[in-house]
N, C-alpha and C. Protein backbone atom coordinates (compact mmCIF):
# COMPACT_ATOMS: atom_id res chain seq x y z
N MET A 1 -11.32 5.36 9.64
CA MET A 1 -10.73 5.12 10.95
C MET A 1 -9.27 5.55 10.92
N ASP A 2 -8.86 6.23 11.94
CA ASP A 2 -7.46 6.63 12.04
C ASP A 2 -6.63 5.45 12.55
N THR A 3 -5.35 5.49 12.22
CA THR A 3 -4.39 4.54 12.75
C THR A 3 -3.46 5.32 13.67
N ASN A 4 -2.46 4.68 14.21
CA ASN A 4 -1.48 5.39 15.03
C ASN A 4 -0.45 6.13 14.18
N PHE A 5 -0.60 6.05 12.85
CA PHE A 5 0.31 6.69 11.92
C PHE A 5 -0.40 7.92 11.34
N ILE A 6 0.21 9.08 11.47
CA ILE A 6 -0.41 10.32 11.02
C ILE A 6 -0.71 10.23 9.52
N GLY A 7 -1.97 10.45 9.17
CA GLY A 7 -2.40 10.47 7.79
C GLY A 7 -2.77 9.13 7.20
N LEU A 8 -2.39 8.03 7.83
CA LEU A 8 -2.71 6.69 7.35
C LEU A 8 -4.09 6.32 7.88
N LYS A 9 -5.02 6.06 6.96
CA LYS A 9 -6.40 5.84 7.38
C LYS A 9 -6.97 4.56 6.78
N ILE A 10 -7.81 3.90 7.58
CA ILE A 10 -8.57 2.74 7.11
C ILE A 10 -9.98 3.24 6.81
N LEU A 11 -10.46 2.93 5.63
CA LEU A 11 -11.79 3.36 5.23
C LEU A 11 -12.69 2.14 5.11
N GLU A 12 -13.88 2.25 5.67
CA GLU A 12 -14.84 1.16 5.61
C GLU A 12 -16.09 1.66 4.91
N PRO A 13 -16.18 1.39 3.60
CA PRO A 13 -17.34 1.88 2.86
C PRO A 13 -18.63 1.19 3.29
N ILE A 14 -19.73 1.87 3.06
CA ILE A 14 -21.05 1.28 3.34
C ILE A 14 -21.37 0.33 2.21
N VAL A 15 -21.72 -0.90 2.56
CA VAL A 15 -22.04 -1.92 1.57
C VAL A 15 -23.52 -2.28 1.73
N HIS A 16 -24.25 -2.16 0.64
CA HIS A 16 -25.66 -2.51 0.61
C HIS A 16 -25.77 -3.87 -0.08
N GLY A 17 -26.19 -4.88 0.66
CA GLY A 17 -26.25 -6.21 0.08
C GLY A 17 -27.60 -6.88 0.28
N ASP A 18 -27.93 -7.76 -0.66
CA ASP A 18 -29.11 -8.61 -0.54
C ASP A 18 -28.83 -9.89 -1.33
N ASP A 19 -29.87 -10.66 -1.59
CA ASP A 19 -29.66 -11.95 -2.25
C ASP A 19 -29.19 -11.81 -3.71
N ARG A 20 -29.24 -10.61 -4.27
CA ARG A 20 -28.74 -10.38 -5.63
C ARG A 20 -27.25 -10.11 -5.66
N GLY A 21 -26.70 -9.65 -4.53
CA GLY A 21 -25.30 -9.28 -4.48
C GLY A 21 -25.12 -8.06 -3.58
N TYR A 22 -24.31 -7.10 -4.02
CA TYR A 22 -24.08 -5.91 -3.21
C TYR A 22 -23.84 -4.69 -4.10
N PHE A 23 -23.93 -3.52 -3.47
CA PHE A 23 -23.58 -2.24 -4.08
C PHE A 23 -22.82 -1.44 -3.05
N THR A 24 -21.75 -0.78 -3.50
CA THR A 24 -21.00 0.12 -2.63
C THR A 24 -20.39 1.23 -3.46
N GLU A 25 -20.24 2.39 -2.88
CA GLU A 25 -19.49 3.47 -3.52
C GLU A 25 -18.03 3.26 -3.13
N SER A 26 -17.22 2.83 -4.07
CA SER A 26 -15.82 2.56 -3.76
C SER A 26 -14.98 3.84 -3.71
N PHE A 27 -15.47 4.90 -4.34
CA PHE A 27 -14.76 6.18 -4.31
C PHE A 27 -15.74 7.31 -4.55
N LYS A 28 -15.57 8.37 -3.79
CA LYS A 28 -16.35 9.59 -3.98
C LYS A 28 -15.40 10.75 -3.69
N ALA A 29 -15.13 11.59 -4.69
CA ALA A 29 -14.16 12.68 -4.55
C ALA A 29 -14.49 13.59 -3.37
N LEU A 30 -15.76 13.75 -3.08
CA LEU A 30 -16.20 14.59 -1.97
C LEU A 30 -15.56 14.17 -0.64
N HIS A 31 -15.28 12.88 -0.49
CA HIS A 31 -14.69 12.37 0.75
C HIS A 31 -13.18 12.59 0.83
N PHE A 32 -12.58 13.09 -0.27
CA PHE A 32 -11.13 13.28 -0.32
C PHE A 32 -10.79 14.69 -0.79
N PRO A 33 -11.23 15.71 -0.05
CA PRO A 33 -11.02 17.09 -0.51
C PRO A 33 -9.54 17.48 -0.59
N ASP A 34 -8.67 16.79 0.14
CA ASP A 34 -7.25 17.13 0.14
C ASP A 34 -6.45 16.36 -0.90
N HIS A 35 -7.12 15.52 -1.69
CA HIS A 35 -6.41 14.68 -2.66
C HIS A 35 -7.07 14.76 -4.02
N THR A 36 -6.25 14.86 -5.04
CA THR A 36 -6.74 14.80 -6.41
C THR A 36 -6.13 13.57 -7.06
N PHE A 37 -6.87 12.50 -7.07
CA PHE A 37 -6.36 11.28 -7.68
C PHE A 37 -6.42 11.41 -9.20
N ILE A 38 -5.33 11.03 -9.87
CA ILE A 38 -5.24 11.23 -11.31
C ILE A 38 -5.21 9.93 -12.11
N GLN A 39 -5.06 8.80 -11.43
CA GLN A 39 -4.90 7.55 -12.16
C GLN A 39 -5.37 6.39 -11.30
N ASP A 40 -5.99 5.40 -11.95
CA ASP A 40 -6.34 4.13 -11.31
C ASP A 40 -5.41 3.06 -11.84
N ASN A 41 -4.85 2.26 -10.93
CA ASN A 41 -4.00 1.14 -11.29
C ASN A 41 -4.65 -0.14 -10.79
N GLU A 42 -4.43 -1.24 -11.49
CA GLU A 42 -4.99 -2.52 -11.08
C GLU A 42 -3.96 -3.61 -11.38
N SER A 43 -3.80 -4.53 -10.43
CA SER A 43 -2.91 -5.66 -10.65
C SER A 43 -3.61 -6.95 -10.25
N LYS A 44 -3.30 -8.00 -10.98
CA LYS A 44 -3.77 -9.33 -10.61
C LYS A 44 -2.52 -10.15 -10.29
N SER A 45 -2.57 -10.86 -9.17
CA SER A 45 -1.41 -11.62 -8.73
C SER A 45 -1.85 -12.97 -8.19
N ALA A 46 -0.98 -13.94 -8.33
CA ALA A 46 -1.23 -15.29 -7.82
C ALA A 46 -0.85 -15.38 -6.34
N LYS A 47 -1.25 -16.46 -5.71
CA LYS A 47 -0.94 -16.71 -4.30
C LYS A 47 0.58 -16.63 -4.08
N ASN A 48 0.95 -16.05 -2.96
CA ASN A 48 2.33 -15.89 -2.51
C ASN A 48 3.14 -14.85 -3.28
N VAL A 49 2.51 -14.14 -4.21
CA VAL A 49 3.21 -13.04 -4.87
C VAL A 49 3.34 -11.90 -3.87
N LEU A 50 4.54 -11.37 -3.77
CA LEU A 50 4.80 -10.22 -2.91
C LEU A 50 5.28 -9.09 -3.81
N ARG A 51 4.57 -7.98 -3.76
CA ARG A 51 4.94 -6.79 -4.53
C ARG A 51 5.35 -5.70 -3.54
N GLY A 52 6.54 -5.16 -3.75
CA GLY A 52 6.98 -4.06 -2.90
C GLY A 52 8.23 -4.40 -2.13
N LEU A 53 8.58 -3.48 -1.36
CA LEU A 53 7.98 -2.25 -0.85
C LEU A 53 8.39 -1.09 -1.76
N HIS A 54 7.44 -0.39 -2.35
CA HIS A 54 7.70 0.65 -3.34
C HIS A 54 7.31 2.04 -2.84
N PHE A 55 8.01 3.05 -3.35
CA PHE A 55 7.64 4.44 -3.11
C PHE A 55 8.30 5.29 -4.18
N GLN A 56 7.84 6.54 -4.31
CA GLN A 56 8.47 7.50 -5.21
C GLN A 56 8.90 8.72 -4.41
N LEU A 57 10.03 9.27 -4.79
CA LEU A 57 10.54 10.47 -4.16
C LEU A 57 9.81 11.71 -4.69
N PRO A 58 9.79 12.79 -3.89
CA PRO A 58 9.22 14.04 -4.38
C PRO A 58 10.02 14.52 -5.60
N PRO A 59 9.42 15.22 -6.52
CA PRO A 59 8.06 15.75 -6.50
C PRO A 59 7.00 14.78 -7.02
N TYR A 60 7.39 13.50 -7.18
CA TYR A 60 6.44 12.50 -7.69
C TYR A 60 5.99 11.51 -6.61
N ALA A 61 6.16 11.88 -5.36
CA ALA A 61 5.65 11.04 -4.27
C ALA A 61 4.15 10.88 -4.44
N GLN A 62 3.64 9.71 -4.07
CA GLN A 62 2.22 9.40 -4.32
C GLN A 62 1.44 9.12 -3.04
N THR A 63 0.25 9.69 -2.97
CA THR A 63 -0.77 9.23 -2.03
C THR A 63 -1.51 8.13 -2.77
N LYS A 64 -1.83 7.04 -2.06
CA LYS A 64 -2.52 5.91 -2.68
C LYS A 64 -3.78 5.56 -1.89
N LEU A 65 -4.81 5.17 -2.61
CA LEU A 65 -6.03 4.64 -2.02
C LEU A 65 -6.16 3.21 -2.53
N ILE A 66 -5.98 2.24 -1.63
CA ILE A 66 -5.85 0.84 -2.01
C ILE A 66 -7.07 0.04 -1.58
N ARG A 67 -7.53 -0.84 -2.49
CA ARG A 67 -8.62 -1.75 -2.16
C ARG A 67 -8.44 -3.04 -2.93
N VAL A 68 -9.07 -4.09 -2.43
CA VAL A 68 -9.02 -5.40 -3.09
C VAL A 68 -10.37 -5.67 -3.72
N ILE A 69 -10.37 -5.90 -5.02
CA ILE A 69 -11.60 -6.20 -5.75
C ILE A 69 -11.94 -7.68 -5.61
N PHE A 70 -10.90 -8.52 -5.66
CA PHE A 70 -11.09 -9.97 -5.57
C PHE A 70 -9.93 -10.57 -4.80
N GLY A 71 -10.21 -11.47 -3.86
CA GLY A 71 -9.16 -12.16 -3.13
C GLY A 71 -8.80 -11.49 -1.82
N GLU A 72 -7.58 -11.79 -1.35
CA GLU A 72 -7.15 -11.28 -0.05
C GLU A 72 -5.64 -11.04 -0.06
N ILE A 73 -5.25 -9.93 0.54
CA ILE A 73 -3.83 -9.58 0.65
C ILE A 73 -3.51 -9.15 2.08
N LEU A 74 -2.24 -9.25 2.41
CA LEU A 74 -1.70 -8.58 3.58
C LEU A 74 -1.04 -7.32 3.04
N ASP A 75 -1.61 -6.17 3.34
CA ASP A 75 -1.11 -4.90 2.84
C ASP A 75 -0.18 -4.31 3.90
N VAL A 76 0.99 -3.87 3.47
CA VAL A 76 2.01 -3.39 4.41
C VAL A 76 2.54 -2.05 3.95
N VAL A 77 2.68 -1.13 4.88
CA VAL A 77 3.32 0.16 4.62
C VAL A 77 4.40 0.40 5.67
N VAL A 78 5.37 1.22 5.30
CA VAL A 78 6.43 1.63 6.23
C VAL A 78 6.54 3.15 6.15
N ASP A 79 6.51 3.80 7.30
CA ASP A 79 6.60 5.25 7.38
C ASP A 79 8.03 5.71 7.11
N LEU A 80 8.21 6.50 6.06
CA LEU A 80 9.53 7.00 5.68
C LEU A 80 9.70 8.48 5.99
N ARG A 81 8.73 9.06 6.67
CA ARG A 81 8.77 10.49 6.99
C ARG A 81 9.65 10.69 8.21
N HIS A 82 10.83 11.21 7.98
CA HIS A 82 11.86 11.29 9.02
C HIS A 82 11.41 12.04 10.27
N ASP A 83 10.52 13.01 10.13
CA ASP A 83 10.06 13.79 11.28
C ASP A 83 8.81 13.20 11.95
N SER A 84 8.39 12.04 11.50
CA SER A 84 7.18 11.39 12.05
C SER A 84 7.52 10.56 13.29
N PRO A 85 6.62 10.51 14.27
CA PRO A 85 6.87 9.67 15.45
C PRO A 85 6.86 8.17 15.12
N THR A 86 6.33 7.81 13.96
CA THR A 86 6.31 6.39 13.56
C THR A 86 7.32 6.10 12.45
N PHE A 87 8.31 6.98 12.29
CA PHE A 87 9.34 6.80 11.26
C PHE A 87 10.00 5.42 11.39
N GLY A 88 10.07 4.72 10.25
CA GLY A 88 10.74 3.42 10.21
C GLY A 88 9.91 2.27 10.73
N LEU A 89 8.66 2.54 11.10
CA LEU A 89 7.80 1.47 11.61
C LEU A 89 6.85 0.96 10.52
N PRO A 90 6.63 -0.35 10.50
CA PRO A 90 5.66 -0.90 9.55
C PRO A 90 4.25 -0.95 10.14
N TYR A 91 3.28 -0.96 9.24
CA TYR A 91 1.87 -1.14 9.59
C TYR A 91 1.29 -2.12 8.59
N SER A 92 0.50 -3.08 9.07
CA SER A 92 -0.09 -4.04 8.16
C SER A 92 -1.57 -4.24 8.46
N ILE A 93 -2.31 -4.62 7.40
CA ILE A 93 -3.74 -4.85 7.52
C ILE A 93 -4.14 -5.85 6.43
N VAL A 94 -5.10 -6.71 6.74
CA VAL A 94 -5.65 -7.62 5.75
C VAL A 94 -6.77 -6.89 5.02
N LEU A 95 -6.64 -6.82 3.70
CA LEU A 95 -7.68 -6.26 2.84
C LEU A 95 -8.20 -7.39 1.97
N ASN A 96 -9.52 -7.48 1.83
CA ASN A 96 -10.07 -8.53 0.98
C ASN A 96 -11.41 -8.12 0.39
N ASP A 97 -11.93 -9.01 -0.45
CA ASP A 97 -13.20 -8.71 -1.12
C ASP A 97 -14.40 -8.88 -0.21
N SER A 98 -14.18 -9.40 0.98
CA SER A 98 -15.28 -9.54 1.94
C SER A 98 -15.38 -8.34 2.88
N ASN A 99 -14.24 -7.91 3.44
CA ASN A 99 -14.32 -6.79 4.39
C ASN A 99 -14.40 -5.43 3.68
N LYS A 100 -14.05 -5.37 2.40
CA LYS A 100 -14.16 -4.16 1.57
C LYS A 100 -13.39 -2.96 2.13
N LEU A 101 -12.50 -3.20 3.10
CA LEU A 101 -11.72 -2.10 3.67
C LEU A 101 -10.80 -1.51 2.62
N GLN A 102 -10.52 -0.22 2.78
CA GLN A 102 -9.58 0.47 1.91
C GLN A 102 -8.54 1.13 2.80
N LEU A 103 -7.34 1.30 2.25
CA LEU A 103 -6.27 1.94 3.00
C LEU A 103 -5.83 3.18 2.25
N LEU A 104 -5.91 4.33 2.93
CA LEU A 104 -5.42 5.59 2.38
C LEU A 104 -3.99 5.78 2.89
N VAL A 105 -3.04 5.73 1.96
CA VAL A 105 -1.61 5.80 2.28
C VAL A 105 -1.07 7.14 1.82
N PRO A 106 -0.67 8.00 2.74
CA PRO A 106 -0.17 9.32 2.34
C PRO A 106 1.24 9.24 1.75
N LYS A 107 1.64 10.33 1.14
CA LYS A 107 3.02 10.46 0.64
C LYS A 107 3.97 10.18 1.80
N GLY A 108 5.11 9.59 1.48
CA GLY A 108 6.10 9.34 2.51
C GLY A 108 6.03 7.95 3.12
N PHE A 109 5.31 7.05 2.48
CA PHE A 109 5.24 5.66 2.93
C PHE A 109 5.69 4.74 1.81
N ALA A 110 6.44 3.71 2.16
CA ALA A 110 6.69 2.61 1.23
C ALA A 110 5.49 1.67 1.33
N HIS A 111 5.14 1.04 0.22
CA HIS A 111 3.95 0.18 0.18
C HIS A 111 4.26 -1.14 -0.50
N GLY A 112 3.67 -2.20 0.04
CA GLY A 112 3.76 -3.51 -0.58
C GLY A 112 2.63 -4.40 -0.11
N PHE A 113 2.48 -5.55 -0.77
CA PHE A 113 1.47 -6.50 -0.33
C PHE A 113 1.85 -7.91 -0.71
N LEU A 114 1.31 -8.85 0.08
CA LEU A 114 1.48 -10.28 -0.13
C LEU A 114 0.11 -10.88 -0.38
N VAL A 115 -0.02 -11.66 -1.46
CA VAL A 115 -1.31 -12.28 -1.79
C VAL A 115 -1.50 -13.53 -0.92
N LEU A 116 -2.60 -13.54 -0.18
CA LEU A 116 -2.92 -14.65 0.74
C LEU A 116 -3.87 -15.67 0.12
N SER A 117 -4.70 -15.24 -0.82
CA SER A 117 -5.67 -16.12 -1.47
C SER A 117 -5.04 -16.73 -2.73
N ASP A 118 -5.78 -17.58 -3.41
CA ASP A 118 -5.26 -18.21 -4.63
C ASP A 118 -4.86 -17.18 -5.68
N SER A 119 -5.58 -16.09 -5.74
CA SER A 119 -5.23 -14.94 -6.57
C SER A 119 -5.91 -13.72 -5.97
N ALA A 120 -5.46 -12.55 -6.42
CA ALA A 120 -6.07 -11.31 -5.92
C ALA A 120 -5.98 -10.24 -6.99
N VAL A 121 -7.02 -9.42 -7.04
CA VAL A 121 -7.03 -8.24 -7.90
C VAL A 121 -7.04 -7.03 -6.97
N VAL A 122 -5.99 -6.22 -7.09
CA VAL A 122 -5.81 -5.05 -6.24
C VAL A 122 -5.94 -3.80 -7.10
N SER A 123 -6.73 -2.85 -6.62
CA SER A 123 -6.93 -1.59 -7.32
C SER A 123 -6.44 -0.46 -6.42
N TYR A 124 -5.73 0.49 -7.02
CA TYR A 124 -5.35 1.65 -6.22
C TYR A 124 -5.29 2.91 -7.07
N LYS A 125 -5.75 3.97 -6.44
CA LYS A 125 -5.71 5.30 -7.04
C LYS A 125 -4.41 5.97 -6.58
N VAL A 126 -3.86 6.82 -7.45
CA VAL A 126 -2.67 7.59 -7.10
C VAL A 126 -2.89 9.05 -7.48
N ASP A 127 -2.19 9.93 -6.80
CA ASP A 127 -2.34 11.37 -7.07
C ASP A 127 -1.14 11.97 -7.79
N ALA A 128 -0.21 11.12 -8.26
CA ALA A 128 0.93 11.58 -9.05
C ALA A 128 1.28 10.46 -10.04
N PRO A 129 1.79 10.82 -11.21
CA PRO A 129 2.11 9.80 -12.20
C PRO A 129 3.35 8.99 -11.82
N TYR A 130 3.48 7.84 -12.44
CA TYR A 130 4.68 7.03 -12.25
C TYR A 130 5.87 7.75 -12.87
N SER A 131 6.96 7.78 -12.14
CA SER A 131 8.19 8.40 -12.63
C SER A 131 9.35 7.45 -12.37
N PRO A 132 9.87 6.80 -13.42
CA PRO A 132 10.98 5.85 -13.23
C PRO A 132 12.18 6.46 -12.52
N GLU A 133 12.44 7.76 -12.77
CA GLU A 133 13.59 8.42 -12.15
C GLU A 133 13.42 8.61 -10.65
N HIS A 134 12.18 8.60 -10.17
CA HIS A 134 11.90 8.82 -8.75
C HIS A 134 11.47 7.54 -8.04
N ASP A 135 11.39 6.46 -8.77
CA ASP A 135 10.94 5.17 -8.25
C ASP A 135 12.02 4.56 -7.36
N ARG A 136 11.63 4.15 -6.17
CA ARG A 136 12.56 3.54 -5.21
C ARG A 136 11.85 2.39 -4.50
N GLY A 137 12.61 1.69 -3.67
CA GLY A 137 12.02 0.60 -2.90
C GLY A 137 12.93 0.14 -1.79
N ILE A 138 12.36 -0.71 -0.95
CA ILE A 138 13.07 -1.33 0.17
C ILE A 138 12.75 -2.81 0.12
N VAL A 139 13.75 -3.64 0.33
CA VAL A 139 13.54 -5.08 0.26
C VAL A 139 12.56 -5.53 1.35
N TYR A 140 11.69 -6.44 0.98
CA TYR A 140 10.59 -6.88 1.84
C TYR A 140 11.04 -7.52 3.15
N ASN A 141 12.19 -8.17 3.14
CA ASN A 141 12.64 -8.91 4.33
C ASN A 141 13.77 -8.20 5.07
N ASP A 142 13.77 -6.89 5.02
CA ASP A 142 14.78 -6.09 5.71
C ASP A 142 14.79 -6.45 7.20
N PRO A 143 15.95 -6.80 7.75
CA PRO A 143 16.00 -7.21 9.16
C PRO A 143 15.71 -6.09 10.15
N VAL A 144 15.99 -4.85 9.79
CA VAL A 144 15.71 -3.73 10.69
C VAL A 144 14.20 -3.50 10.79
N LEU A 145 13.50 -3.56 9.65
CA LEU A 145 12.05 -3.34 9.66
C LEU A 145 11.32 -4.52 10.29
N ASN A 146 11.84 -5.73 10.12
CA ASN A 146 11.28 -6.93 10.73
C ASN A 146 9.75 -7.03 10.53
N ILE A 147 9.33 -6.91 9.28
CA ILE A 147 7.90 -6.95 8.96
C ILE A 147 7.37 -8.36 9.18
N LYS A 148 6.22 -8.45 9.81
CA LYS A 148 5.58 -9.74 10.09
C LYS A 148 4.67 -10.11 8.92
N TRP A 149 5.30 -10.57 7.83
CA TRP A 149 4.53 -11.06 6.69
C TRP A 149 3.91 -12.38 7.11
N ASN A 150 3.08 -12.91 6.29
CA ASN A 150 2.51 -14.24 6.55
C ASN A 150 3.59 -15.27 6.24
N ASN A 151 3.23 -16.43 5.79
CA ASN A 151 4.18 -17.47 5.43
C ASN A 151 4.93 -17.07 4.16
N LEU A 152 6.24 -16.92 4.25
CA LEU A 152 7.05 -16.53 3.10
C LEU A 152 7.78 -17.71 2.48
N GLU A 153 7.38 -18.92 2.85
CA GLU A 153 8.08 -20.12 2.38
C GLU A 153 8.12 -20.22 0.85
N ASN A 154 7.03 -19.88 0.19
CA ASN A 154 6.95 -19.98 -1.27
C ASN A 154 6.75 -18.62 -1.92
N VAL A 155 7.35 -17.59 -1.35
CA VAL A 155 7.15 -16.23 -1.85
C VAL A 155 7.63 -16.11 -3.29
N VAL A 156 6.86 -15.34 -4.08
CA VAL A 156 7.19 -15.10 -5.48
C VAL A 156 7.45 -13.61 -5.64
N LEU A 157 8.67 -13.27 -6.11
CA LEU A 157 9.09 -11.88 -6.26
C LEU A 157 9.49 -11.59 -7.70
N SER A 158 9.35 -10.35 -8.09
CA SER A 158 9.92 -9.92 -9.36
C SER A 158 11.43 -9.79 -9.18
N GLN A 159 12.13 -9.77 -10.28
CA GLN A 159 13.58 -9.57 -10.22
C GLN A 159 13.89 -8.22 -9.57
N LYS A 160 13.11 -7.20 -9.94
CA LYS A 160 13.30 -5.86 -9.38
C LYS A 160 13.13 -5.87 -7.86
N ASP A 161 12.05 -6.50 -7.37
CA ASP A 161 11.77 -6.49 -5.93
C ASP A 161 12.78 -7.31 -5.13
N SER A 162 13.32 -8.36 -5.71
CA SER A 162 14.30 -9.17 -4.99
C SER A 162 15.65 -8.45 -4.87
N ALA A 163 15.88 -7.44 -5.71
CA ALA A 163 17.15 -6.71 -5.70
C ALA A 163 17.06 -5.37 -4.96
N LEU A 164 15.94 -5.07 -4.34
CA LEU A 164 15.80 -3.79 -3.64
C LEU A 164 16.75 -3.72 -2.45
N PRO A 165 17.21 -2.52 -2.09
CA PRO A 165 18.13 -2.37 -0.97
C PRO A 165 17.42 -2.45 0.39
N CYS A 166 18.23 -2.57 1.42
CA CYS A 166 17.71 -2.54 2.79
C CYS A 166 17.36 -1.09 3.17
N PHE A 167 16.59 -0.97 4.23
CA PHE A 167 16.17 0.31 4.78
C PHE A 167 17.38 1.05 5.33
N ASP A 168 17.56 2.29 4.89
CA ASP A 168 18.63 3.16 5.38
C ASP A 168 18.00 4.41 5.96
N PRO A 169 17.84 4.48 7.28
CA PRO A 169 17.16 5.63 7.89
C PRO A 169 17.77 6.98 7.53
N THR A 170 19.07 7.03 7.32
CA THR A 170 19.72 8.31 7.01
C THR A 170 19.34 8.84 5.64
N ALA A 171 18.86 7.98 4.75
CA ALA A 171 18.52 8.39 3.39
C ALA A 171 17.29 9.28 3.33
N PHE A 172 16.53 9.36 4.43
CA PHE A 172 15.26 10.09 4.41
C PHE A 172 15.30 11.39 5.20
N SER A 173 16.45 11.74 5.76
CA SER A 173 16.52 12.91 6.67
C SER A 173 16.24 14.24 5.97
N GLY A 174 16.59 14.39 4.70
CA GLY A 174 16.38 15.67 4.04
C GLY A 174 15.18 15.72 3.12
N ILE A 175 14.36 14.69 3.14
CA ILE A 175 13.22 14.63 2.21
C ILE A 175 11.99 15.28 2.84
N HIS A 176 11.36 16.15 2.08
CA HIS A 176 10.12 16.79 2.52
C HIS A 176 8.98 16.23 1.69
N TRP A 177 8.23 15.34 2.26
CA TRP A 177 7.14 14.66 1.54
C TRP A 177 6.00 15.62 1.35
């Protein structure tokens, strides 16, 4: 399913279920002819953990395919593509182990998530390796972005994520994602 953000897509895999459980194809390269995913990442987080908002600059910018194996998250992205009509706007969606939805996030988006369940296991594919020199982020509670997270009363952040800078729209004007 398309969103109002160019290239940002919600994927709803076919799930075959019965009293034994379920089966689904979580990834098939044939469905992603424009992307060559090179790595799978997985994280487990406790309730109220907020990771992000992270992105990498070119030439190590990443397209991500995100899904939740266990639990529930509020997944949030922010469009950093200066020439996009949705530049600087956030998009959020609940991903969980029941709805099996996946989010395809193109290059040029910051990404983060908040764990809503007691714990969550999040899996995501990337099409470029991690590069510490190109790693960047935006603080989750930036007043300009005004992201509608869930309850942040007991939010748990890494030291790195709590020190991220605010969104600076001028920083993205010369970047070609």
